[in-house]
Amino acid sequence: MSEGITAINEKVREQAETIRRLRNAVHSVIIGQDYLVDRLLIGLITNNHILVEGVPGLAKTLSVRTLAACVSARFQRIQFTPDLLPADIIGTLIYNPKEGTFTTRKGPIFSNIILADEINRAPPKVQSALLEAMQERQVTIGGQTHPLPQPFMVMATQNPIEQEGTYPLPEAQVDRFMLKLVVTYPSRQEELRILEEMAVTDKEFSVSPVADPDLVLQLRTLLDHIYVDDKIKDYVLNIVFATRQPEDFGLPISQFIRYGASPRASIYLTLAAKAHAFLHGRGYVVPQDVKSMAHDVLRHRILVSYEAEAEEVSSEHIIDRILDTIPVP
């Protein structure tokens, strides 16, 4: 077993230069936002999707566009609006009256990296069409099934302000996102650099590719072999089960939890911890990898009760209590 771990560790270290070049390429355009950039990389190499919440102007669009350019991937930004239709995303059939035939016109979903901007502004049918494509990795147009290209990742954004005229995502649909990120303002020093570089009338953003989609698929294959010890698996399960039966772990917080995390949480927390280890050049998972990803995986999977809302107890507070209580292996 130790020989296997050593071999995996060596392979991960060999790819550490690829990760470093990807990070540097993104940061050649994006100032700061290390948290967002790393989580985007985690979403890309784990073959999963990300939901981002943050006020406008925090470089969310620019970050995902830059990442797509760095890996030579096809990028598409979809602005979600109340009048958007499912066909505007997945495509439709076009009738040719001269020949009496239908041809398929594929929608913007047929790209490698999708930015679903302000997803909560579109009606439920449109949200469902996108989320079905995310889950099934295919769409059906006119009775014919079309597989989506690989790699395929969706980064959806939600604006935490101006909730009028929005259609909040149902919990079952939010659960399909591997991570929910909360992006905050840059530091004063970072914003000074942003001001110095961006306060011009004509700013062009260009980045040279440092990888390609085939390399991303290779990284995913290597990620699957990262070692997770049984004690780490138990640690993950303890954290997730503590959101469902907190009293079993000596946590007096059951009155604050309406529904705990689903089984997807166990899968995604393990997968995210493996990716976090990968980004830090390790072929094995340590407890800190799990703790580092716990908030991003769980914050949208714990539904708080009315009592929690009345006492201003958020899912973030509940996760903090759980991580402080569950013994670290």
Protein backbone atom coordinates (compact mmCIF):
# COMPACT_ATOMS: atom_id res chain seq x y z
CA MET A 1 0.00 0.00 0.00
CA SER A 2 2.78 2.42 0.91
CA GLU A 3 4.47 1.73 -2.44
CA GLY A 4 1.22 2.61 -4.22
CA ILE A 5 0.89 5.86 -2.30
CA THR A 6 4.49 6.73 -3.10
CA ALA A 7 3.90 6.15 -6.81
CA ILE A 8 0.75 8.27 -6.82
CA ASN A 9 2.54 10.99 -4.87
CA GLU A 10 5.30 11.09 -7.47
CA LYS A 11 2.79 11.38 -10.32
CA VAL A 12 0.99 14.22 -8.53
CA ARG A 13 4.28 16.04 -8.00
CA GLU A 14 5.05 15.67 -11.69
CA GLN A 15 1.79 17.47 -12.47
CA ALA A 16 2.42 20.17 -9.85
CA GLU A 17 4.14 22.26 -12.53
CA THR A 18 0.96 22.10 -14.66
CA ILE A 19 -1.15 23.36 -11.75
CA ARG A 20 1.39 26.11 -11.02
CA ARG A 21 1.38 27.26 -14.65
CA LEU A 22 -2.43 27.28 -14.71
CA ARG A 23 -2.60 29.35 -11.52
CA ASN A 24 0.02 31.80 -12.79
CA ALA A 25 -1.71 32.16 -16.15
CA VAL A 26 -5.05 32.98 -14.51
CA HIS A 27 -3.40 35.39 -12.08
CA SER A 28 -1.71 37.18 -14.97
CA VAL A 29 -5.19 38.61 -15.57
CA ILE A 30 -6.95 38.20 -12.21
CA ILE A 31 -5.57 40.13 -9.24
CA GLY A 32 -6.17 38.34 -5.95
CA GLN A 33 -9.21 36.03 -5.68
CA ASP A 34 -6.99 33.02 -4.83
CA TYR A 35 -9.96 31.30 -3.21
CA LEU A 36 -12.14 31.63 -6.33
CA VAL A 37 -9.37 30.58 -8.72
CA ASP A 38 -8.47 27.47 -6.71
CA ARG A 39 -12.12 26.42 -6.44
CA LEU A 40 -12.58 26.86 -10.18
CA LEU A 41 -9.61 24.57 -10.74
CA ILE A 42 -11.13 22.06 -8.31
CA GLY A 43 -14.42 22.14 -10.21
CA LEU A 44 -12.62 21.62 -13.50
CA ILE A 45 -10.51 18.64 -12.45
CA THR A 46 -13.32 16.95 -10.50
CA ASN A 47 -15.77 17.14 -13.42
CA ASN A 48 -18.30 19.11 -11.40
CA HIS A 49 -20.13 22.41 -11.26
CA ILE A 50 -19.91 25.47 -9.04
CA LEU A 51 -22.45 27.98 -7.73
CA VAL A 52 -20.97 31.38 -6.87
CA GLU A 53 -22.61 34.07 -4.77
CA GLY A 54 -21.15 37.54 -4.70
CA VAL A 55 -21.93 41.17 -5.43
CA PRO A 56 -21.24 42.50 -8.94
CA GLY A 57 -17.72 43.56 -9.88
CA LEU A 58 -15.68 40.82 -8.17
CA ALA A 59 -14.19 39.37 -11.40
CA LYS A 60 -16.37 36.25 -11.41
CA THR A 61 -17.00 36.40 -15.16
CA LEU A 62 -13.42 37.36 -15.96
CA SER A 63 -12.05 34.52 -13.81
CA VAL A 64 -13.97 31.75 -15.52
CA ARG A 65 -13.37 33.27 -18.97
CA THR A 66 -9.63 33.41 -18.25
CA LEU A 67 -9.58 29.81 -17.00
CA ALA A 68 -11.27 28.66 -20.22
CA ALA A 69 -8.63 30.49 -22.28
CA CYS A 70 -5.83 28.93 -20.21
CA VAL A 71 -6.99 25.39 -21.06
CA SER A 72 -7.94 26.12 -24.69
CA ALA A 73 -11.58 25.35 -23.90
CA ARG A 74 -14.67 26.69 -25.61
CA PHE A 75 -16.34 29.26 -23.36
CA GLN A 76 -19.91 30.54 -23.43
CA ARG A 77 -21.55 33.13 -21.22
CA ILE A 78 -25.33 32.91 -20.88
CA GLN A 79 -27.10 35.88 -19.32
CA PHE A 80 -30.18 34.54 -17.55
CA THR A 81 -33.23 36.77 -17.85
CA PRO A 82 -36.95 36.32 -17.07
CA ASP A 83 -37.84 35.93 -20.77
CA LEU A 84 -35.22 33.22 -21.48
CA LEU A 85 -36.51 29.93 -22.92
CA PRO A 86 -35.04 26.40 -22.59
CA ALA A 87 -34.42 26.36 -26.36
CA ASP A 88 -32.21 29.45 -25.94
CA ILE A 89 -29.83 27.25 -23.93
CA ILE A 90 -29.99 23.74 -25.35
CA GLY A 91 -30.97 24.55 -28.93
CA THR A 92 -33.91 23.72 -31.16
CA LEU A 93 -35.02 22.26 -34.50
CA ILE A 94 -35.19 24.60 -37.51
CA TYR A 95 -37.62 23.74 -40.31
CA ASN A 96 -36.44 24.09 -43.88
CA PRO A 97 -39.62 24.61 -45.98
CA LYS A 98 -37.76 24.21 -49.28
CA GLU A 99 -36.54 20.70 -48.45
CA GLY A 100 -39.25 19.86 -45.93
CA THR A 101 -36.70 18.78 -43.31
CA PHE A 102 -35.64 19.78 -39.84
CA THR A 103 -32.06 20.61 -38.88
CA THR A 104 -30.68 20.83 -35.37
CA ARG A 105 -29.38 24.17 -34.20
CA LYS A 106 -27.34 23.55 -31.08
CA GLY A 107 -27.48 26.08 -28.28
CA PRO A 108 -24.68 27.66 -26.24
CA ILE A 109 -24.71 24.73 -23.81
CA PHE A 110 -22.48 22.88 -26.31
CA SER A 111 -19.27 24.38 -24.94
CA ASN A 112 -16.65 23.21 -22.46
CA ILE A 113 -17.06 25.91 -19.81
CA ILE A 114 -20.37 27.69 -19.29
CA LEU A 115 -20.98 30.82 -17.25
CA ALA A 116 -24.64 30.89 -16.21
CA ASP A 117 -24.81 34.52 -15.12
CA GLU A 118 -27.50 35.29 -12.51
CA ILE A 119 -29.14 31.90 -12.85
CA ASN A 120 -31.88 32.85 -10.38
CA ARG A 121 -33.27 35.47 -12.80
CA ALA A 122 -34.55 32.83 -15.23
CA PRO A 123 -37.85 30.94 -14.73
CA PRO A 124 -37.83 27.37 -13.34
CA LYS A 125 -38.17 25.66 -16.77
CA VAL A 126 -34.94 27.25 -17.95
CA GLN A 127 -33.14 26.43 -14.70
CA SER A 128 -34.31 22.81 -15.00
CA ALA A 129 -33.08 22.56 -18.59
CA LEU A 130 -29.60 23.69 -17.56
CA LEU A 131 -29.45 21.53 -14.46
CA GLU A 132 -30.60 18.45 -16.39
CA ALA A 133 -27.79 19.02 -18.88
CA MET A 134 -25.37 19.36 -15.96
CA GLN A 135 -26.52 16.11 -14.42
CA GLU A 136 -26.94 13.95 -17.52
CA ARG A 137 -24.11 15.51 -19.59
CA GLN A 138 -26.43 15.35 -22.57
CA VAL A 139 -29.47 17.14 -24.02
CA THR A 140 -32.38 15.97 -26.13
CA ILE A 141 -33.49 18.07 -29.11
CA GLY A 142 -36.42 16.82 -31.15
CA GLY A 143 -36.18 13.31 -29.79
CA GLN A 144 -32.47 12.98 -30.58
CA THR A 145 -29.92 12.85 -27.78
CA HIS A 146 -26.72 14.86 -28.12
CA PRO A 147 -23.78 14.32 -25.72
CA LEU A 148 -22.11 17.44 -24.36
CA PRO A 149 -18.40 18.02 -25.00
CA GLN A 150 -15.78 17.06 -22.46
CA PRO A 151 -14.58 18.61 -20.28
CA PHE A 152 -17.87 20.28 -19.33
CA MET A 153 -18.26 22.61 -16.36
CA VAL A 154 -20.90 25.14 -15.37
CA MET A 155 -20.21 28.08 -13.11
CA ALA A 156 -23.50 29.68 -12.13
CA THR A 157 -23.69 32.99 -10.31
CA GLN A 158 -26.28 34.42 -7.96
CA ASN A 159 -26.53 38.02 -6.91
CA PRO A 160 -27.18 38.23 -3.14
CA ILE A 161 -28.83 41.65 -3.59
CA GLU A 162 -31.84 42.78 -5.65
CA GLN A 163 -33.99 39.70 -5.11
CA GLU A 164 -37.05 41.24 -6.79
CA GLY A 165 -38.08 39.38 -9.92
CA THR A 166 -35.91 36.35 -9.20
CA TYR A 167 -36.73 32.64 -9.09
CA PRO A 168 -34.66 31.08 -6.27
CA LEU A 169 -33.23 27.67 -7.10
CA PRO A 170 -35.05 24.82 -5.33
CA GLU A 171 -32.94 22.96 -2.77
CA ALA A 172 -32.96 19.75 -4.84
CA GLN A 173 -31.45 21.64 -7.76
CA VAL A 174 -28.92 23.54 -5.66
CA ASP A 175 -27.76 20.16 -4.35
CA ARG A 176 -26.46 19.29 -7.84
CA PHE A 177 -23.72 21.90 -7.53
CA MET A 178 -20.60 20.42 -5.99
CA LEU A 179 -19.53 23.69 -4.36
CA LYS A 180 -21.22 26.92 -3.38
CA LEU A 181 -18.72 29.73 -3.05
CA VAL A 182 -19.18 33.05 -1.29
CA VAL A 183 -16.86 35.56 -2.95
CA THR A 184 -15.90 38.62 -0.91
CA TYR A 185 -14.24 41.95 -1.64
CA PRO A 186 -10.49 42.14 -2.36
CA SER A 187 -8.06 43.49 0.22
CA ARG A 188 -7.03 47.15 0.14
CA GLN A 189 -3.63 46.25 -1.37
CA GLU A 190 -5.24 44.07 -4.05
CA GLU A 191 -7.76 46.77 -4.90
CA LEU A 192 -4.95 49.29 -5.27
CA ARG A 193 -3.34 47.00 -7.87
CA ILE A 194 -6.72 46.60 -9.58
CA LEU A 195 -7.12 50.37 -9.68
CA GLU A 196 -3.65 50.90 -11.14
CA GLU A 197 -4.10 48.28 -13.88
CA MET A 198 -7.80 48.61 -14.73
CA ALA A 199 -8.49 52.36 -14.50
CA VAL A 200 -7.96 52.88 -18.23
CA THR A 201 -10.42 53.47 -21.07
CA ASP A 202 -9.32 50.52 -23.19
CA LYS A 203 -8.08 47.44 -21.35
CA GLU A 204 -7.47 44.27 -23.32
CA PHE A 205 -7.27 40.90 -21.56
CA SER A 206 -5.23 38.22 -23.25
CA VAL A 207 -3.73 35.01 -21.96
CA SER A 208 -1.77 32.27 -23.68
CA PRO A 209 -3.04 28.69 -23.25
CA VAL A 210 -0.91 26.55 -20.94
CA ALA A 211 -2.97 23.34 -21.20
CA ASP A 212 -5.65 21.72 -23.33
CA PRO A 213 -8.86 19.75 -22.71
CA ASP A 214 -7.04 16.42 -23.12
CA LEU A 215 -4.67 17.34 -20.30
CA VAL A 216 -7.64 18.19 -18.08
CA LEU A 217 -9.04 14.70 -18.70
CA GLN A 218 -5.64 13.22 -17.78
CA LEU A 219 -5.63 15.17 -14.52
CA ARG A 220 -9.06 13.74 -13.72
CA THR A 221 -7.76 10.20 -14.22
CA LEU A 222 -4.88 10.88 -11.84
CA LEU A 223 -7.24 12.45 -9.30
CA ASP A 224 -9.19 9.19 -9.08
CA HIS A 225 -6.07 7.44 -7.76
CA ILE A 226 -5.34 9.85 -4.91
CA TYR A 227 -5.31 7.85 -1.68
CA VAL A 228 -8.00 8.34 0.96
CA ASP A 229 -7.41 6.48 4.23
CA ASP A 230 -10.31 4.74 6.00
CA LYS A 231 -9.93 7.16 8.93
CA ILE A 232 -10.42 10.08 6.53
CA LYS A 233 -13.54 8.39 5.13
CA ASP A 234 -14.90 7.99 8.66
CA TYR A 235 -14.11 11.65 9.33
CA VAL A 236 -16.08 12.69 6.24
CA LEU A 237 -19.04 10.50 7.23
CA ASN A 238 -19.00 11.82 10.79
CA ILE A 239 -19.18 15.40 9.52
CA VAL A 240 -22.04 14.66 7.14
CA PHE A 241 -24.00 12.54 9.63
CA ALA A 242 -23.59 15.27 12.24
CA THR A 243 -25.74 17.48 10.00
CA ARG A 244 -28.51 14.85 10.18
CA GLN A 245 -28.27 13.52 13.74
CA PRO A 246 -26.24 16.14 15.63
CA GLU A 247 -27.35 14.75 19.01
CA ASP A 248 -25.44 11.52 18.28
CA PHE A 249 -22.25 13.58 18.32
CA GLY A 250 -23.04 15.62 21.41
CA LEU A 251 -24.12 18.68 19.42
CA PRO A 252 -27.20 20.49 20.82
CA ILE A 253 -28.09 22.07 17.49
CA SER A 254 -30.85 19.81 16.13
CA GLN A 255 -33.45 22.57 16.61
CA PHE A 256 -31.54 24.70 14.09
CA ILE A 257 -31.46 22.08 11.30
CA ARG A 258 -34.52 21.37 9.18
CA TYR A 259 -32.74 19.00 6.78
CA GLY A 260 -29.18 17.74 6.87
CA ALA A 261 -26.80 17.15 3.99
CA SER A 262 -27.66 14.55 1.35
CA PRO A 263 -25.44 11.56 0.41
CA ARG A 264 -24.04 13.75 -2.38
CA ALA A 265 -22.28 15.67 0.39
CA SER A 266 -20.20 12.62 1.37
CA ILE A 267 -19.25 12.00 -2.26
CA TYR A 268 -18.44 15.62 -3.05
CA LEU A 269 -16.58 16.29 0.20
CA THR A 270 -14.30 13.31 -0.45
CA LEU A 271 -13.80 14.31 -4.08
CA ALA A 272 -13.16 17.95 -3.19
CA ALA A 273 -10.66 16.92 -0.50
CA LYS A 274 -8.80 14.80 -3.07
CA ALA A 275 -8.68 17.76 -5.46
CA HIS A 276 -7.50 20.06 -2.67
CA ALA A 277 -4.68 17.62 -1.91
CA PHE A 278 -3.87 17.47 -5.64
CA LEU A 279 -3.62 21.27 -5.87
CA HIS A 280 -1.18 21.19 -2.95
CA GLY A 281 1.02 18.54 -4.56
CA ARG A 282 0.01 15.53 -2.48
CA GLY A 283 -1.15 12.10 -3.61
CA TYR A 284 -3.02 11.48 -0.36
CA VAL A 285 -5.71 13.28 1.63
CA VAL A 286 -5.14 14.73 5.10
CA PRO A 287 -7.83 16.00 7.52
CA GLN A 288 -7.05 19.62 6.67
CA ASP A 289 -8.11 18.97 3.08
CA VAL A 290 -11.53 17.91 4.35
CA LYS A 291 -11.84 20.89 6.69
CA SER A 292 -10.76 23.32 3.96
CA MET A 293 -13.55 22.16 1.65
CA ALA A 294 -16.29 21.50 4.21
CA HIS A 295 -17.92 24.94 4.06
CA ASP A 296 -18.00 25.05 0.26
CA VAL A 297 -19.55 21.57 0.02
CA LEU A 298 -22.02 21.86 2.91
CA ARG A 299 -23.21 25.46 3.11
CA HIS A 300 -25.97 24.93 0.51
CA ARG A 301 -26.87 21.43 1.70
CA ILE A 302 -27.89 22.26 5.26
CA LEU A 303 -31.38 23.74 5.45
CA VAL A 304 -31.80 25.75 8.62
CA SER A 305 -35.04 25.88 10.60
CA TYR A 306 -37.23 28.90 11.29
CA GLU A 307 -35.80 28.94 14.81
CA ALA A 308 -32.30 29.25 13.38
CA GLU A 309 -33.38 32.15 11.18
CA ALA A 310 -34.99 33.85 14.18
CA GLU A 311 -31.79 33.50 16.19
CA GLU A 312 -29.60 34.40 13.18
CA VAL A 313 -27.89 31.00 13.13
CA SER A 314 -26.70 30.27 9.58
CA SER A 315 -25.49 27.06 7.97
CA GLU A 316 -21.97 28.54 8.28
CA HIS A 317 -22.33 28.62 12.08
CA ILE A 318 -23.60 25.05 12.12
CA ILE A 319 -20.65 23.82 10.02
CA ASP A 320 -18.24 25.63 12.36
CA ARG A 321 -19.80 23.90 15.38
CA ILE A 322 -19.56 20.51 13.70
CA LEU A 323 -15.91 20.94 12.65
CA ASP A 324 -15.01 22.13 16.16
CA THR A 325 -16.69 19.09 17.73
CA ILE A 326 -15.91 16.12 15.47
CA PRO A 327 -12.55 14.57 16.49
CA VAL A 328 -9.85 14.96 13.84
CA PRO A 329 -8.14 11.64 12.96
